[in-house]
Amino acid sequence: MELRTGGDADRAFMREVLAMVALASYPSLGELGRLTLRDRLDALHASYDVPLRRWWIAERQKEAVGGLWAIAGHHPILETPEALIVAVGVVEAARGQGVGRALLTHAREALRAEGYDALRLFVHPENAPARALYASLGFTSSTLELSWR
């Protein structure tokens, strides 16, 4: 497997990664509101397609099998340098083979080299495989999101 920095040619694949992540976390997303899932993902893609974004692509035999999308910046409250992982996803055929671990490890090292010592991400509480991966890499829960509907 090879890891490389993503670019404009990877936009379609990173949109697929975003779809994988959104559907894994929120299965009913496609049925919500007036917008279709595609419209929502396009809007989300556009809102996070900013100058400080970082994309990394995992490839096997020149085929993309995973991607990670992060935004370098500052914690909104603490104002310390950190990066927000917007999405990390692995195509179904490559899951459980270390692709996600490799992407997260690479992102952590690359961002640390740029001065970002903290990574933040969100995960659905029922996504046990992702939560186990993040915990094995040292991620800890720092907040609990509550909502009322």
C-alpha atoms as a PDB file:
ATOM      1  CA  MET A   1       0.000   0.000   0.000  1.00  0.00           C
ATOM      2  CA  GLU A   2       1.161   3.506  -0.760  1.00  0.00           C
ATOM      3  CA  LEU A   3       0.039   6.752   0.858  1.00  0.00           C
ATOM      4  CA  ARG A   4       0.122  10.000  -1.041  1.00  0.00           C
ATOM      5  CA  THR A   5      -1.140  13.535  -0.710  1.00  0.00           C
ATOM      6  CA  GLY A   6      -4.475  14.028  -2.409  1.00  0.00           C
ATOM      7  CA  GLY A   7      -5.208  16.752  -4.889  1.00  0.00           C
ATOM      8  CA  ASP A   8      -7.853  18.097  -7.237  1.00  0.00           C
ATOM      9  CA  ALA A   9      -7.874  14.852  -9.231  1.00  0.00           C
ATOM     10  CA  ASP A  10      -9.048  13.070  -6.064  1.00  0.00           C
ATOM     11  CA  ARG A  11     -12.186  15.156  -5.532  1.00  0.00           C
ATOM     12  CA  ALA A  12     -14.553  12.448  -6.771  1.00  0.00           C
ATOM     13  CA  PHE A  13     -12.958   9.790  -4.580  1.00  0.00           C
ATOM     14  CA  MET A  14     -12.938  12.040  -1.511  1.00  0.00           C
ATOM     15  CA  ARG A  15     -16.636  12.679  -2.104  1.00  0.00           C
ATOM     16  CA  GLU A  16     -17.079   8.880  -2.049  1.00  0.00           C
ATOM     17  CA  VAL A  17     -15.168   8.776   1.253  1.00  0.00           C
ATOM     18  CA  LEU A  18     -17.482  11.448   2.627  1.00  0.00           C
ATOM     19  CA  ALA A  19     -20.496   9.399   1.496  1.00  0.00           C
ATOM     20  CA  MET A  20     -19.089   6.256   3.155  1.00  0.00           C
ATOM     21  CA  VAL A  21     -18.588   8.121   6.413  1.00  0.00           C
ATOM     22  CA  ALA A  22     -21.949   9.899   6.328  1.00  0.00           C
ATOM     23  CA  LEU A  23     -23.904   6.745   5.564  1.00  0.00           C
ATOM     24  CA  ALA A  24     -22.020   4.754   8.218  1.00  0.00           C
ATOM     25  CA  SER A  25     -22.724   7.382  10.851  1.00  0.00           C
ATOM     26  CA  TYR A  26     -26.194   8.486   9.844  1.00  0.00           C
ATOM     27  CA  PRO A  27     -27.984   5.760   7.841  1.00  0.00           C
ATOM     28  CA  SER A  28     -31.149   7.818   7.417  1.00  0.00           C
ATOM     29  CA  LEU A  29     -29.307  10.867   6.059  1.00  0.00           C
ATOM     30  CA  GLY A  30     -30.620  10.255   2.556  1.00  0.00           C
ATOM     31  CA  GLU A  31     -34.200  10.528   3.804  1.00  0.00           C
ATOM     32  CA  LEU A  32     -33.872  13.723   5.811  1.00  0.00           C
ATOM     33  CA  GLY A  33     -35.133  17.138   4.764  1.00  0.00           C
ATOM     34  CA  ARG A  34     -35.779  18.510   1.316  1.00  0.00           C
ATOM     35  CA  LEU A  35     -32.253  17.956   0.029  1.00  0.00           C
ATOM     36  CA  THR A  36     -31.055  14.648  -1.303  1.00  0.00           C
ATOM     37  CA  LEU A  37     -28.022  12.905   0.172  1.00  0.00           C
ATOM     38  CA  ARG A  38     -26.008  13.994  -2.875  1.00  0.00           C
ATOM     39  CA  ASP A  39     -26.964  17.642  -2.334  1.00  0.00           C
ATOM     40  CA  ARG A  40     -26.084  17.440   1.346  1.00  0.00           C
ATOM     41  CA  LEU A  41     -22.715  15.816   0.617  1.00  0.00           C
ATOM     42  CA  ASP A  42     -21.940  18.374  -2.078  1.00  0.00           C
ATOM     43  CA  ALA A  43     -22.722  21.175   0.368  1.00  0.00           C
ATOM     44  CA  LEU A  44     -20.613  19.551   3.089  1.00  0.00           C
ATOM     45  CA  HIS A  45     -17.768  18.963   0.623  1.00  0.00           C
ATOM     46  CA  ALA A  46     -17.861  22.617  -0.418  1.00  0.00           C
ATOM     47  CA  SER A  47     -17.914  23.896   3.169  1.00  0.00           C
ATOM     48  CA  TYR A  48     -14.806  21.883   4.087  1.00  0.00           C
ATOM     49  CA  ASP A  49     -12.910  22.438   0.835  1.00  0.00           C
ATOM     50  CA  VAL A  50     -10.799  25.195   2.349  1.00  0.00           C
ATOM     51  CA  PRO A  51      -7.160  26.290   1.886  1.00  0.00           C
ATOM     52  CA  LEU A  52      -5.980  24.517   5.058  1.00  0.00           C
ATOM     53  CA  ARG A  53      -7.463  21.175   4.048  1.00  0.00           C
ATOM     54  CA  ARG A  54      -5.264  18.135   3.841  1.00  0.00           C
ATOM     55  CA  TRP A  55      -6.156  15.004   1.886  1.00  0.00           C
ATOM     56  CA  TRP A  56      -4.289  11.728   1.949  1.00  0.00           C
ATOM     57  CA  ILE A  57      -5.071   8.795  -0.299  1.00  0.00           C
ATOM     58  CA  ALA A  58      -4.190   5.143   0.312  1.00  0.00           C
ATOM     59  CA  GLU A  59      -3.633   3.174  -2.873  1.00  0.00           C
ATOM     60  CA  ARG A  60      -3.090  -0.453  -3.746  1.00  0.00           C
ATOM     61  CA  GLN A  61      -1.894  -1.189  -7.250  1.00  0.00           C
ATOM     62  CA  LYS A  62      -2.680   2.432  -8.250  1.00  0.00           C
ATOM     63  CA  GLU A  63      -6.302   2.102  -7.063  1.00  0.00           C
ATOM     64  CA  ALA A  64      -7.603   4.290  -4.249  1.00  0.00           C
ATOM     65  CA  VAL A  65      -8.745   2.167  -1.306  1.00  0.00           C
ATOM     66  CA  GLY A  66      -9.011   4.799   1.408  1.00  0.00           C
ATOM     67  CA  GLY A  67      -8.851   8.475   2.105  1.00  0.00           C
ATOM     68  CA  LEU A  68      -8.511  10.908   4.975  1.00  0.00           C
ATOM     69  CA  TRP A  69      -9.648  14.511   4.935  1.00  0.00           C
ATOM     70  CA  ALA A  70      -8.420  16.903   7.624  1.00  0.00           C
ATOM     71  CA  ILE A  71      -8.476  20.633   8.186  1.00  0.00           C
ATOM     72  CA  ALA A  72      -5.578  22.259   9.985  1.00  0.00           C
ATOM     73  CA  GLY A  73      -6.513  25.078  12.297  1.00  0.00           C
ATOM     74  CA  HIS A  74      -7.117  25.941  15.922  1.00  0.00           C
ATOM     75  CA  HIS A  75      -9.412  24.484  18.549  1.00  0.00           C
ATOM     76  CA  PRO A  76     -12.524  26.681  18.591  1.00  0.00           C
ATOM     77  CA  ILE A  77     -12.410  27.197  22.361  1.00  0.00           C
ATOM     78  CA  LEU A  78      -8.851  26.493  23.498  1.00  0.00           C
ATOM     79  CA  GLU A  79      -7.299  28.277  20.490  1.00  0.00           C
ATOM     80  CA  THR A  80      -4.477  25.737  20.356  1.00  0.00           C
ATOM     81  CA  PRO A  81      -3.157  24.338  17.055  1.00  0.00           C
ATOM     82  CA  GLU A  82      -5.071  21.236  16.056  1.00  0.00           C
ATOM     83  CA  ALA A  83      -6.490  19.492  13.035  1.00  0.00           C
ATOM     84  CA  LEU A  84     -10.038  18.312  12.595  1.00  0.00           C
ATOM     85  CA  ILE A  85     -10.423  15.031  10.754  1.00  0.00           C
ATOM     86  CA  VAL A  86     -13.507  15.606   8.650  1.00  0.00           C
ATOM     87  CA  ALA A  87     -13.633  12.108   7.204  1.00  0.00           C
ATOM     88  CA  VAL A  88     -11.642   8.919   7.072  1.00  0.00           C
ATOM     89  CA  GLY A  89     -12.981   6.042   5.042  1.00  0.00           C
ATOM     90  CA  VAL A  90     -11.891   2.769   3.508  1.00  0.00           C
ATOM     91  CA  VAL A  91     -13.602   0.983   0.640  1.00  0.00           C
ATOM     92  CA  GLU A  92     -15.417  -2.124   1.817  1.00  0.00           C
ATOM     93  CA  ALA A  93     -13.079  -4.598   0.098  1.00  0.00           C
ATOM     94  CA  ALA A  94     -10.062  -3.154   1.954  1.00  0.00           C
ATOM     95  CA  ARG A  95     -11.522  -2.839   5.455  1.00  0.00           C
ATOM     96  CA  GLY A  96      -9.777  -4.616   8.293  1.00  0.00           C
ATOM     97  CA  GLN A  97      -6.443  -4.570   6.443  1.00  0.00           C
ATOM     98  CA  GLY A  98      -4.755  -1.633   8.169  1.00  0.00           C
ATOM     99  CA  VAL A  99      -5.678   1.060   5.648  1.00  0.00           C
ATOM    100  CA  GLY A 100      -7.479   3.294   8.157  1.00  0.00           C
ATOM    101  CA  ARG A 101      -4.702   2.842  10.709  1.00  0.00           C
ATOM    102  CA  ALA A 102      -2.068   3.763   8.098  1.00  0.00           C
ATOM    103  CA  LEU A 103      -4.003   6.877   7.036  1.00  0.00           C
ATOM    104  CA  LEU A 104      -4.521   8.077  10.612  1.00  0.00           C
ATOM    105  CA  THR A 105      -0.895   7.420  11.578  1.00  0.00           C
ATOM    106  CA  HIS A 106       0.366   9.212   8.477  1.00  0.00           C
ATOM    107  CA  ALA A 107      -1.952  12.180   9.047  1.00  0.00           C
ATOM    108  CA  ARG A 108      -0.876  12.453  12.687  1.00  0.00           C
ATOM    109  CA  GLU A 109       2.820  12.463  11.738  1.00  0.00           C
ATOM    110  CA  ALA A 110       2.396  14.876   8.813  1.00  0.00           C
ATOM    111  CA  LEU A 111       0.299  17.303  10.834  1.00  0.00           C
ATOM    112  CA  ARG A 112       2.634  17.074  13.816  1.00  0.00           C
ATOM    113  CA  ALA A 113       5.510  18.047  11.495  1.00  0.00           C
ATOM    114  CA  GLU A 114       3.488  21.168  10.598  1.00  0.00           C
ATOM    115  CA  GLY A 115       3.035  22.083  14.275  1.00  0.00           C
ATOM    116  CA  TYR A 116      -0.393  20.580  14.921  1.00  0.00           C
ATOM    117  CA  ASP A 117      -0.037  18.462  18.045  1.00  0.00           C
ATOM    118  CA  ALA A 118      -3.710  17.569  18.460  1.00  0.00           C
ATOM    119  CA  LEU A 119      -6.187  15.771  16.226  1.00  0.00           C
ATOM    120  CA  ARG A 120      -9.937  15.881  16.752  1.00  0.00           C
ATOM    121  CA  LEU A 121     -12.636  13.802  15.099  1.00  0.00           C
ATOM    122  CA  PHE A 122     -16.229  12.787  15.567  1.00  0.00           C
ATOM    123  CA  VAL A 123     -17.569   9.242  15.452  1.00  0.00           C
ATOM    124  CA  HIS A 124     -21.051   7.826  15.810  1.00  0.00           C
ATOM    125  CA  PRO A 125     -21.339   6.043  19.182  1.00  0.00           C
ATOM    126  CA  GLU A 126     -22.586   2.850  17.506  1.00  0.00           C
ATOM    127  CA  ASN A 127     -19.653   2.629  15.061  1.00  0.00           C
ATOM    128  CA  ALA A 128     -17.750   0.067  17.139  1.00  0.00           C
ATOM    129  CA  PRO A 129     -15.040  -0.781  14.570  1.00  0.00           C
ATOM    130  CA  ALA A 130     -14.090   2.890  14.121  1.00  0.00           C
ATOM    131  CA  ARG A 131     -14.188   3.555  17.861  1.00  0.00           C
ATOM    132  CA  ALA A 132     -11.920   0.559  18.507  1.00  0.00           C
ATOM    133  CA  LEU A 133      -9.457   1.760  15.860  1.00  0.00           C
ATOM    134  CA  TYR A 134      -9.374   5.284  17.280  1.00  0.00           C
ATOM    135  CA  ALA A 135      -8.905   4.007  20.827  1.00  0.00           C
ATOM    136  CA  SER A 136      -6.035   1.757  19.723  1.00  0.00           C
ATOM    137  CA  LEU A 137      -4.337   4.844  18.273  1.00  0.00           C
ATOM    138  CA  GLY A 138      -4.676   6.779  21.524  1.00  0.00           C
ATOM    139  CA  PHE A 139      -7.783   8.842  20.793  1.00  0.00           C
ATOM    140  CA  THR A 140      -9.854   9.470  23.902  1.00  0.00           C
ATOM    141  CA  SER A 141     -13.341  10.840  24.335  1.00  0.00           C
ATOM    142  CA  SER A 142     -13.249  14.484  25.307  1.00  0.00           C
ATOM    143  CA  THR A 143     -16.848  15.586  24.854  1.00  0.00           C
ATOM    144  CA  LEU A 144     -20.320  14.196  24.767  1.00  0.00           C
ATOM    145  CA  GLU A 145     -22.716  15.674  22.240  1.00  0.00           C
ATOM    146  CA  LEU A 146     -26.269  15.970  23.435  1.00  0.00           C
ATOM    147  CA  SER A 147     -29.270  16.868  21.311  1.00  0.00           C
ATOM    148  CA  TRP A 148     -32.956  17.413  21.799  1.00  0.00           C
ATOM    149  CA  ARG A 149     -35.461  16.876  19.000  1.00  0.00           C
END
